[in-house]
Amino acid sequence: MGENISFQGAILRIVIAVGLVLVTFNPSGYSLAHWIFSPPVSVTPGRAVAALLLLIGWVVCLRTAFIALGKWGVFLGVALFGTIIWLLVDRQWLSVTGTAFVWVVLVVIGLIMGIGLSWSLVRAKATGQLEVR
């Protein structure tokens, strides 16, 4: 099982996780959150199906990431990316005002989930040990 991971597979998992985050919400105005809360606010079959599909995606991604990385791994990932964002803001390469900051935070959330989706497979390939829960 561990031999099935590839660089492209890991990148695909990260892209899927970032996509999940950005489809759920992003500052462009084109997201599920914008669609659901745009007037007239109502529950329609299309909105319900889209919301349930994204909810399933979130549950799968978050559960997999937390199992693979553990609480400490997720904490360290958030701390690392948070510190990198802090550095970018401190060097004035990124402003906390405006939408660029929101985009960066959303992508970081997706990156952490995507790394979590790939972590067990990468560790299995590196060590030869499978993680079973």
Protein backbone atom coordinates (compact mmCIF):
# COMPACT_ATOMS: atom_id res chain seq x y z
CA MET A 1 0.00 0.00 0.00
CA GLY A 2 2.82 2.45 0.87
CA GLU A 3 4.36 2.03 -2.57
CA ASN A 4 1.29 3.57 -4.23
CA ILE A 5 2.09 7.15 -3.22
CA SER A 6 3.74 9.40 -5.75
CA PHE A 7 4.71 13.03 -5.81
CA GLN A 8 1.84 13.68 -8.21
CA GLY A 9 -0.56 11.83 -5.91
CA ALA A 10 0.47 13.95 -2.93
CA ILE A 11 0.14 17.16 -4.98
CA LEU A 12 -3.29 16.02 -6.19
CA ARG A 13 -4.45 15.48 -2.61
CA ILE A 14 -3.21 18.95 -1.64
CA VAL A 15 -4.94 20.52 -4.66
CA ILE A 16 -8.18 18.73 -3.78
CA ALA A 17 -8.01 19.95 -0.17
CA VAL A 18 -7.25 23.55 -1.20
CA GLY A 19 -10.06 23.32 -3.76
CA LEU A 20 -12.48 22.10 -1.10
CA VAL A 21 -11.64 25.08 1.10
CA LEU A 22 -11.92 27.60 -1.74
CA VAL A 23 -15.17 26.15 -3.09
CA THR A 24 -16.66 26.39 0.40
CA PHE A 25 -15.65 30.04 0.84
CA ASN A 26 -13.40 32.57 -0.84
CA PRO A 27 -13.42 36.35 -1.09
CA SER A 28 -14.18 36.41 -4.82
CA GLY A 29 -17.91 36.06 -4.24
CA TYR A 30 -18.08 32.72 -6.08
CA SER A 31 -18.37 30.04 -3.41
CA LEU A 32 -20.94 27.80 -1.78
CA ALA A 33 -21.24 30.22 1.14
CA HIS A 34 -22.02 33.09 -1.21
CA TRP A 35 -24.47 30.97 -3.18
CA ILE A 36 -26.33 29.74 -0.10
CA PHE A 37 -26.57 33.14 1.57
CA SER A 38 -27.39 35.15 -1.54
CA PRO A 39 -30.95 36.47 -1.73
CA PRO A 40 -33.38 34.89 -1.67
CA VAL A 41 -31.94 32.80 1.14
CA SER A 42 -33.74 29.49 0.92
CA VAL A 43 -33.07 25.80 1.03
CA THR A 44 -33.26 24.37 -2.46
CA PRO A 45 -32.41 20.84 -3.59
CA GLY A 46 -29.34 22.07 -5.48
CA ARG A 47 -28.02 24.02 -2.51
CA ALA A 48 -28.69 21.10 -0.17
CA VAL A 49 -26.86 18.60 -2.41
CA ALA A 50 -23.89 20.95 -2.83
CA ALA A 51 -23.72 21.65 0.91
CA LEU A 52 -23.92 17.94 1.78
CA LEU A 53 -21.22 17.02 -0.75
CA LEU A 54 -18.90 19.67 0.65
CA LEU A 55 -19.71 18.62 4.23
CA ILE A 56 -18.77 15.03 3.35
CA GLY A 57 -15.53 16.30 1.80
CA TRP A 58 -14.71 18.34 4.90
CA VAL A 59 -15.41 15.42 7.26
CA VAL A 60 -13.24 13.05 5.20
CA CYS A 61 -10.38 15.55 4.88
CA LEU A 62 -10.41 16.70 8.50
CA ARG A 63 -10.74 13.19 9.93
CA THR A 64 -7.95 11.88 7.70
CA ALA A 65 -5.69 14.83 8.53
CA PHE A 66 -6.24 14.50 12.27
CA ILE A 67 -5.67 10.74 12.21
CA ALA A 68 -2.53 11.04 10.06
CA LEU A 69 -0.97 14.09 11.71
CA GLY A 70 -2.43 13.87 15.20
CA LYS A 71 -3.27 16.88 17.32
CA TRP A 72 0.39 17.82 17.67
CA GLY A 73 1.04 17.50 13.96
CA VAL A 74 -1.90 19.74 13.11
CA PHE A 75 -0.81 22.19 15.81
CA LEU A 76 2.76 22.26 14.48
CA GLY A 77 1.52 22.72 10.90
CA VAL A 78 -0.69 25.63 11.94
CA ALA A 79 2.19 27.09 13.99
CA LEU A 80 4.64 26.76 11.07
CA PHE A 81 2.34 28.30 8.46
CA GLY A 82 1.14 30.93 10.93
CA THR A 83 4.73 31.94 11.62
CA ILE A 84 5.45 32.11 7.89
CA ILE A 85 2.42 34.39 7.45
CA TRP A 86 3.65 36.48 10.37
CA LEU A 87 7.05 36.79 8.66
CA LEU A 88 5.39 37.88 5.41
CA VAL A 89 3.35 40.50 7.25
CA ASP A 90 6.38 41.64 9.27
CA ARG A 91 8.43 42.10 6.08
CA GLN A 92 5.45 43.95 4.59
CA TRP A 93 5.15 41.47 1.74
CA LEU A 94 1.59 40.72 2.86
CA SER A 95 -0.96 43.07 4.38
CA VAL A 96 -3.54 41.95 6.91
CA THR A 97 -6.05 44.28 5.29
CA GLY A 98 -7.67 43.36 2.03
CA THR A 99 -8.47 40.05 0.42
CA ALA A 100 -4.90 38.80 -0.17
CA PHE A 101 -4.57 37.89 3.51
CA VAL A 102 -7.86 35.96 3.41
CA TRP A 103 -6.71 34.05 0.31
CA VAL A 104 -3.42 33.14 2.02
CA VAL A 105 -5.16 31.90 5.17
CA LEU A 106 -7.64 29.82 3.14
CA VAL A 107 -4.85 28.26 1.08
CA VAL A 108 -2.91 27.45 4.27
CA ILE A 109 -5.96 25.66 5.70
CA GLY A 110 -6.15 23.63 2.48
CA LEU A 111 -2.40 22.92 2.56
CA ILE A 112 -2.56 21.56 6.10
CA MET A 113 -5.52 19.33 5.19
CA GLY A 114 -3.81 18.22 1.97
CA ILE A 115 -0.60 17.36 3.80
CA GLY A 116 -2.71 15.41 6.26
CA LEU A 117 -4.33 13.49 3.40
CA SER A 118 -0.90 12.41 2.14
CA TRP A 119 1.03 12.06 5.38
CA SER A 120 0.20 8.43 6.23
CA LEU A 121 1.10 7.33 2.72
CA VAL A 122 4.38 9.27 2.74
CA ARG A 123 5.30 7.87 6.16
CA ALA A 124 4.41 4.34 5.05
CA LYS A 125 6.64 4.68 2.00
CA ALA A 126 9.50 6.15 4.04
CA THR A 127 9.36 3.63 6.90
CA GLY A 128 7.65 0.60 5.38
CA GLN A 129 5.09 0.66 8.21
CA LEU A 130 1.38 1.04 7.58
CA GLU A 131 -0.85 3.09 9.87
CA VAL A 132 -4.10 1.32 10.73
CA ARG A 133 -6.88 2.77 12.90
